[in-house]
Amino acid sequence: LSPEEIAEAYDGAITLSDVYAAFSYYYDHREEIQRMVEADEAWVEQWKRDNPGAWKKIGATGPG
């Protein structure tokens, strides 16, 4: 999506300026954000291994 489309998708909750600020923050902190994403993904994988029955109950569609 373009920045304009992203802002429009949030029905006025964020401005085009907000979208550009988020992009700027991302590009200034890309490595840190990538490490956080990888840590979160590793946590989820460990949780699935530790809780196989629970994961089968919620599956890919999420809880409830």
PDB file of N, CA and C in Angstrom:
ATOM      1  N   LEU A   1       0.834  -1.192   0.000  1.00  0.00           N
ATOM      2  CA  LEU A   1       0.000   0.000   0.000  1.00  0.00           C
ATOM      3  C   LEU A   1       0.877   1.254   0.000  1.00  0.00           C
ATOM      4  N   SER A   2       0.365   2.278  -0.568  1.00  0.00           N
ATOM      5  CA  SER A   2       1.070   3.557  -0.523  1.00  0.00           C
ATOM      6  C   SER A   2       0.828   4.202   0.839  1.00  0.00           C
ATOM      7  N   PRO A   3       1.648   5.180   1.214  1.00  0.00           N
ATOM      8  CA  PRO A   3       1.397   5.872   2.482  1.00  0.00           C
ATOM      9  C   PRO A   3      -0.012   6.476   2.553  1.00  0.00           C
ATOM     10  N   GLU A   4      -0.477   7.004   1.446  1.00  0.00           N
ATOM     11  CA  GLU A   4      -1.824   7.572   1.407  1.00  0.00           C
ATOM     12  C   GLU A   4      -2.883   6.496   1.662  1.00  0.00           C
ATOM     13  N   GLU A   5      -2.705   5.328   1.054  1.00  0.00           N
ATOM     14  CA  GLU A   5      -3.653   4.233   1.247  1.00  0.00           C
ATOM     15  C   GLU A   5      -3.641   3.723   2.687  1.00  0.00           C
ATOM     16  N   ILE A   6      -2.471   3.703   3.293  1.00  0.00           N
ATOM     17  CA  ILE A   6      -2.376   3.265   4.687  1.00  0.00           C
ATOM     18  C   ILE A   6      -3.159   4.222   5.575  1.00  0.00           C
ATOM     19  N   ALA A   7      -2.940   5.518   5.400  1.00  0.00           N
ATOM     20  CA  ALA A   7      -3.657   6.507   6.204  1.00  0.00           C
ATOM     21  C   ALA A   7      -5.166   6.397   5.987  1.00  0.00           C
ATOM     22  N   GLU A   8      -5.585   6.226   4.751  1.00  0.00           N
ATOM     23  CA  GLU A   8      -7.012   6.093   4.447  1.00  0.00           C
ATOM     24  C   GLU A   8      -7.615   4.841   5.072  1.00  0.00           C
ATOM     25  N   ALA A   9      -6.839   3.772   5.132  1.00  0.00           N
ATOM     26  CA  ALA A   9      -7.341   2.508   5.679  1.00  0.00           C
ATOM     27  C   ALA A   9      -7.694   2.621   7.156  1.00  0.00           C
ATOM     28  N   TYR A  10      -7.155   3.610   7.844  1.00  0.00           N
ATOM     29  CA  TYR A  10      -7.424   3.786   9.272  1.00  0.00           C
ATOM     30  C   TYR A  10      -8.482   4.841   9.532  1.00  0.00           C
ATOM     31  N   ASP A  11      -9.237   5.195   8.523  1.00  0.00           N
ATOM     32  CA  ASP A  11     -10.408   6.077   8.649  1.00  0.00           C
ATOM     33  C   ASP A  11     -10.164   7.314   9.509  1.00  0.00           C
ATOM     34  N   GLY A  12      -9.065   7.995   9.279  1.00  0.00           N
ATOM     35  CA  GLY A  12      -8.805   9.231   9.993  1.00  0.00           C
ATOM     36  C   GLY A  12      -8.159   9.067  11.359  1.00  0.00           C
ATOM     37  N   ALA A  13      -7.958   7.827  11.803  1.00  0.00           N
ATOM     38  CA  ALA A  13      -7.328   7.606  13.107  1.00  0.00           C
ATOM     39  C   ALA A  13      -5.848   7.975  13.077  1.00  0.00           C
ATOM     40  N   ILE A  14      -5.242   7.886  11.904  1.00  0.00           N
ATOM     41  CA  ILE A  14      -3.863   8.327  11.736  1.00  0.00           C
ATOM     42  C   ILE A  14      -3.793   9.213  10.499  1.00  0.00           C
ATOM     43  N   THR A  15      -2.840  10.113  10.520  1.00  0.00           N
ATOM     44  CA  THR A  15      -2.662  11.025   9.391  1.00  0.00           C
ATOM     45  C   THR A  15      -1.550  10.530   8.483  1.00  0.00           C
ATOM     46  N   LEU A  16      -1.452  11.146   7.333  1.00  0.00           N
ATOM     47  CA  LEU A  16      -0.360  10.834   6.421  1.00  0.00           C
ATOM     48  C   LEU A  16       0.978  11.148   7.093  1.00  0.00           C
ATOM     49  N   SER A  17       1.012  12.190   7.869  1.00  0.00           N
ATOM     50  CA  SER A  17       2.215  12.535   8.624  1.00  0.00           C
ATOM     51  C   SER A  17       2.573  11.423   9.607  1.00  0.00           C
ATOM     52  N   ASP A  18       1.569  10.820  10.252  1.00  0.00           N
ATOM     53  CA  ASP A  18       1.814   9.703  11.169  1.00  0.00           C
ATOM     54  C   ASP A  18       2.452   8.525  10.432  1.00  0.00           C
ATOM     55  N   VAL A  19       1.962   8.249   9.237  1.00  0.00           N
ATOM     56  CA  VAL A  19       2.491   7.132   8.448  1.00  0.00           C
ATOM     57  C   VAL A  19       3.963   7.380   8.127  1.00  0.00           C
ATOM     58  N   TYR A  20       4.272   8.588   7.675  1.00  0.00           N
ATOM     59  CA  TYR A  20       5.668   8.900   7.353  1.00  0.00           C
ATOM     60  C   TYR A  20       6.546   8.865   8.605  1.00  0.00           C
ATOM     61  N   ALA A  21       6.015   9.289   9.738  1.00  0.00           N
ATOM     62  CA  ALA A  21       6.783   9.230  10.988  1.00  0.00           C
ATOM     63  C   ALA A  21       7.067   7.782  11.362  1.00  0.00           C
ATOM     64  N   ALA A  22       6.081   6.908  11.172  1.00  0.00           N
ATOM     65  CA  ALA A  22       6.285   5.488  11.470  1.00  0.00           C
ATOM     66  C   ALA A  22       7.336   4.887  10.552  1.00  0.00           C
ATOM     67  N   PHE A  23       7.285   5.220   9.272  1.00  0.00           N
ATOM     68  CA  PHE A  23       8.310   4.734   8.339  1.00  0.00           C
ATOM     69  C   PHE A  23       9.690   5.241   8.757  1.00  0.00           C
ATOM     70  N   SER A  24       9.769   6.501   9.108  1.00  0.00           N
ATOM     71  CA  SER A  24      11.040   7.079   9.515  1.00  0.00           C
ATOM     72  C   SER A  24      11.588   6.372  10.748  1.00  0.00           C
ATOM     73  N   TYR A  25      10.724   6.130  11.728  1.00  0.00           N
ATOM     74  CA  TYR A  25      11.150   5.430  12.936  1.00  0.00           C
ATOM     75  C   TYR A  25      11.649   4.029  12.586  1.00  0.00           C
ATOM     76  N   TYR A  26      10.887   3.341  11.738  1.00  0.00           N
ATOM     77  CA  TYR A  26      11.291   1.994  11.332  1.00  0.00           C
ATOM     78  C   TYR A  26      12.684   2.011  10.688  1.00  0.00           C
ATOM     79  N   TYR A  27      12.893   2.897   9.737  1.00  0.00           N
ATOM     80  CA  TYR A  27      14.174   2.906   9.034  1.00  0.00           C
ATOM     81  C   TYR A  27      15.324   3.328   9.949  1.00  0.00           C
ATOM     82  N   ASP A  28      15.035   4.158  10.946  1.00  0.00           N
ATOM     83  CA  ASP A  28      16.078   4.557  11.896  1.00  0.00           C
ATOM     84  C   ASP A  28      16.386   3.464  12.919  1.00  0.00           C
ATOM     85  N   HIS A  29      15.463   2.495  13.096  1.00  0.00           N
ATOM     86  CA  HIS A  29      15.610   1.455  14.122  1.00  0.00           C
ATOM     87  C   HIS A  29      15.413   0.048  13.558  1.00  0.00           C
ATOM     88  N   ARG A  30      15.693  -0.113  12.279  1.00  0.00           N
ATOM     89  CA  ARG A  30      15.403  -1.361  11.579  1.00  0.00           C
ATOM     90  C   ARG A  30      16.017  -2.589  12.258  1.00  0.00           C
ATOM     91  N   GLU A  31      17.273  -2.532  12.630  1.00  0.00           N
ATOM     92  CA  GLU A  31      17.926  -3.700  13.228  1.00  0.00           C
ATOM     93  C   GLU A  31      17.299  -4.057  14.570  1.00  0.00           C
ATOM     94  N   GLU A  32      17.035  -3.048  15.392  1.00  0.00           N
ATOM     95  CA  GLU A  32      16.405  -3.284  16.697  1.00  0.00           C
ATOM     96  C   GLU A  32      15.019  -3.904  16.530  1.00  0.00           C
ATOM     97  N   ILE A  33      14.246  -3.385  15.604  1.00  0.00           N
ATOM     98  CA  ILE A  33      12.899  -3.903  15.365  1.00  0.00           C
ATOM     99  C   ILE A  33      12.973  -5.332  14.847  1.00  0.00           C
ATOM    100  N   GLN A  34      13.902  -5.609  13.953  1.00  0.00           N
ATOM    101  CA  GLN A  34      14.047  -6.968  13.424  1.00  0.00           C
ATOM    102  C   GLN A  34      14.390  -7.949  14.534  1.00  0.00           C
ATOM    103  N   ARG A  35      15.287  -7.545  15.443  1.00  0.00           N
ATOM    104  CA  ARG A  35      15.624  -8.409  16.585  1.00  0.00           C
ATOM    105  C   ARG A  35      14.394  -8.671  17.458  1.00  0.00           C
ATOM    106  N   MET A  36      13.577  -7.650  17.670  1.00  0.00           N
ATOM    107  CA  MET A  36      12.370  -7.822  18.479  1.00  0.00           C
ATOM    108  C   MET A  36      11.387  -8.775  17.799  1.00  0.00           C
ATOM    109  N   VAL A  37      11.222  -8.638  16.491  1.00  0.00           N
ATOM    110  CA  VAL A  37      10.329  -9.524  15.743  1.00  0.00           C
ATOM    111  C   VAL A  37      10.830 -10.963  15.836  1.00  0.00           C
ATOM    112  N   GLU A  38      12.125 -11.163  15.659  1.00  0.00           N
ATOM    113  CA  GLU A  38      12.698 -12.506  15.733  1.00  0.00           C
ATOM    114  C   GLU A  38      12.533 -13.098  17.130  1.00  0.00           C
ATOM    115  N   ALA A  39      12.710 -12.281  18.164  1.00  0.00           N
ATOM    116  CA  ALA A  39      12.534 -12.762  19.540  1.00  0.00           C
ATOM    117  C   ALA A  39      11.082 -13.151  19.787  1.00  0.00           C
ATOM    118  N   ASP A  40      10.154 -12.354  19.282  1.00  0.00           N
ATOM    119  CA  ASP A  40       8.730 -12.682  19.435  1.00  0.00           C
ATOM    120  C   ASP A  40       8.385 -13.974  18.710  1.00  0.00           C
ATOM    121  N   GLU A  41       8.906 -14.146  17.502  1.00  0.00           N
ATOM    122  CA  GLU A  41       8.640 -15.365  16.741  1.00  0.00           C
ATOM    123  C   GLU A  41       9.214 -16.589  17.458  1.00  0.00           C
ATOM    124  N   ALA A  42      10.408 -16.442  18.033  1.00  0.00           N
ATOM    125  CA  ALA A  42      11.014 -17.543  18.774  1.00  0.00           C
ATOM    126  C   ALA A  42      10.178 -17.881  20.002  1.00  0.00           C
ATOM    127  N   TRP A  43       9.661 -16.861  20.673  1.00  0.00           N
ATOM    128  CA  TRP A  43       8.810 -17.090  21.849  1.00  0.00           C
ATOM    129  C   TRP A  43       7.550 -17.869  21.454  1.00  0.00           C
ATOM    130  N   VAL A  44       6.931 -17.481  20.355  1.00  0.00           N
ATOM    131  CA  VAL A  44       5.720 -18.170  19.891  1.00  0.00           C
ATOM    132  C   VAL A  44       6.031 -19.628  19.573  1.00  0.00           C
ATOM    133  N   GLU A  45       7.134 -19.870  18.888  1.00  0.00           N
ATOM    134  CA  GLU A  45       7.500 -21.248  18.554  1.00  0.00           C
ATOM    135  C   GLU A  45       7.748 -22.070  19.816  1.00  0.00           C
ATOM    136  N   GLN A  46       8.414 -21.481  20.797  1.00  0.00           N
ATOM    137  CA  GLN A  46       8.648 -22.190  22.054  1.00  0.00           C
ATOM    138  C   GLN A  46       7.325 -22.451  22.770  1.00  0.00           C
ATOM    139  N   TRP A  47       6.431 -21.467  22.773  1.00  0.00           N
ATOM    140  CA  TRP A  47       5.124 -21.628  23.414  1.00  0.00           C
ATOM    141  C   TRP A  47       4.351 -22.767  22.741  1.00  0.00           C
ATOM    142  N   LYS A  48       4.393 -22.824  21.416  1.00  0.00           N
ATOM    143  CA  LYS A  48       3.695 -23.901  20.705  1.00  0.00           C
ATOM    144  C   LYS A  48       4.273 -25.260  21.069  1.00  0.00           C
ATOM    145  N   ARG A  49       5.600 -25.345  21.213  1.00  0.00           N
ATOM    146  CA  ARG A  49       6.215 -26.620  21.617  1.00  0.00           C
ATOM    147  C   ARG A  49       5.823 -26.990  23.045  1.00  0.00           C
ATOM    148  N   ASP A  50       5.760 -25.991  23.916  1.00  0.00           N
ATOM    149  CA  ASP A  50       5.437 -26.240  25.326  1.00  0.00           C
ATOM    150  C   ASP A  50       3.954 -26.476  25.571  1.00  0.00           C
ATOM    151  N   ASN A  51       3.094 -26.063  24.646  1.00  0.00           N
ATOM    152  CA  ASN A  51       1.645 -26.135  24.823  1.00  0.00           C
ATOM    153  C   ASN A  51       0.959 -26.696  23.576  1.00  0.00           C
ATOM    154  N   PRO A  52       1.336 -27.892  23.146  1.00  0.00           N
ATOM    155  CA  PRO A  52       0.801 -28.402  21.880  1.00  0.00           C
ATOM    156  C   PRO A  52      -0.721 -28.558  21.884  1.00  0.00           C
ATOM    157  N   GLY A  53      -1.297 -28.953  22.991  1.00  0.00           N
ATOM    158  CA  GLY A  53      -2.745 -29.103  23.036  1.00  0.00           C
ATOM    159  C   GLY A  53      -3.464 -27.779  22.888  1.00  0.00           C
ATOM    160  N   ALA A  54      -2.945 -26.758  23.543  1.00  0.00           N
ATOM    161  CA  ALA A  54      -3.572 -25.434  23.461  1.00  0.00           C
ATOM    162  C   ALA A  54      -3.475 -24.887  22.052  1.00  0.00           C
ATOM    163  N   TRP A  55      -2.318 -25.091  21.407  1.00  0.00           N
ATOM    164  CA  TRP A  55      -2.142 -24.573  20.050  1.00  0.00           C
ATOM    165  C   TRP A  55      -3.117 -25.245  19.089  1.00  0.00           C
ATOM    166  N   LYS A  56      -3.348 -26.523  19.244  1.00  0.00           N
ATOM    167  CA  LYS A  56      -4.288 -27.223  18.372  1.00  0.00           C
ATOM    168  C   LYS A  56      -5.692 -26.690  18.555  1.00  0.00           C
ATOM    169  N   LYS A  57      -6.041 -26.255  19.771  1.00  0.00           N
ATOM    170  CA  LYS A  57      -7.373 -25.726  20.033  1.00  0.00           C
ATOM    171  C   LYS A  57      -7.596 -24.390  19.346  1.00  0.00           C
ATOM    172  N   ILE A  58      -6.579 -23.507  19.359  1.00  0.00           N
ATOM    173  CA  ILE A  58      -6.780 -22.195  18.749  1.00  0.00           C
ATOM    174  C   ILE A  58      -6.350 -22.169  17.293  1.00  0.00           C
ATOM    175  N   GLY A  59      -5.418 -23.020  16.908  1.00  0.00           N
ATOM    176  CA  GLY A  59      -5.004 -23.129  15.515  1.00  0.00           C
ATOM    177  C   GLY A  59      -4.626 -21.805  14.893  1.00  0.00           C
ATOM    178  N   ALA A  60      -4.772 -21.715  13.613  1.00  0.00           N
ATOM    179  CA  ALA A  60      -4.365 -20.526  12.873  1.00  0.00           C
ATOM    180  C   ALA A  60      -5.411 -19.425  12.935  1.00  0.00           C
ATOM    181  N   THR A  61      -6.606 -19.719  13.434  1.00  0.00           N
ATOM    182  CA  THR A  61      -7.647 -18.700  13.436  1.00  0.00           C
ATOM    183  C   THR A  61      -7.681 -17.870  14.702  1.00  0.00           C
ATOM    184  N   GLY A  62      -6.905 -18.242  15.692  1.00  0.00           N
ATOM    185  CA  GLY A  62      -6.864 -17.476  16.919  1.00  0.00           C
ATOM    186  C   GLY A  62      -7.881 -17.963  17.927  1.00  0.00           C
ATOM    187  N   PRO A  63      -7.849 -17.371  19.118  1.00  0.00           N
ATOM    188  CA  PRO A  63      -8.748 -17.834  20.178  1.00  0.00           C
ATOM    189  C   PRO A  63     -10.202 -17.507  19.877  1.00  0.00           C
ATOM    190  N   GLY A  64     -11.061 -18.307  20.476  1.00  0.00           N
ATOM    191  CA  GLY A  64     -12.484 -18.104  20.531  1.00  0.00           C
ATOM    192  C   GLY A  64     -13.232 -17.884  19.323  1.00  0.00           C
TER     193      GLY A  64
END
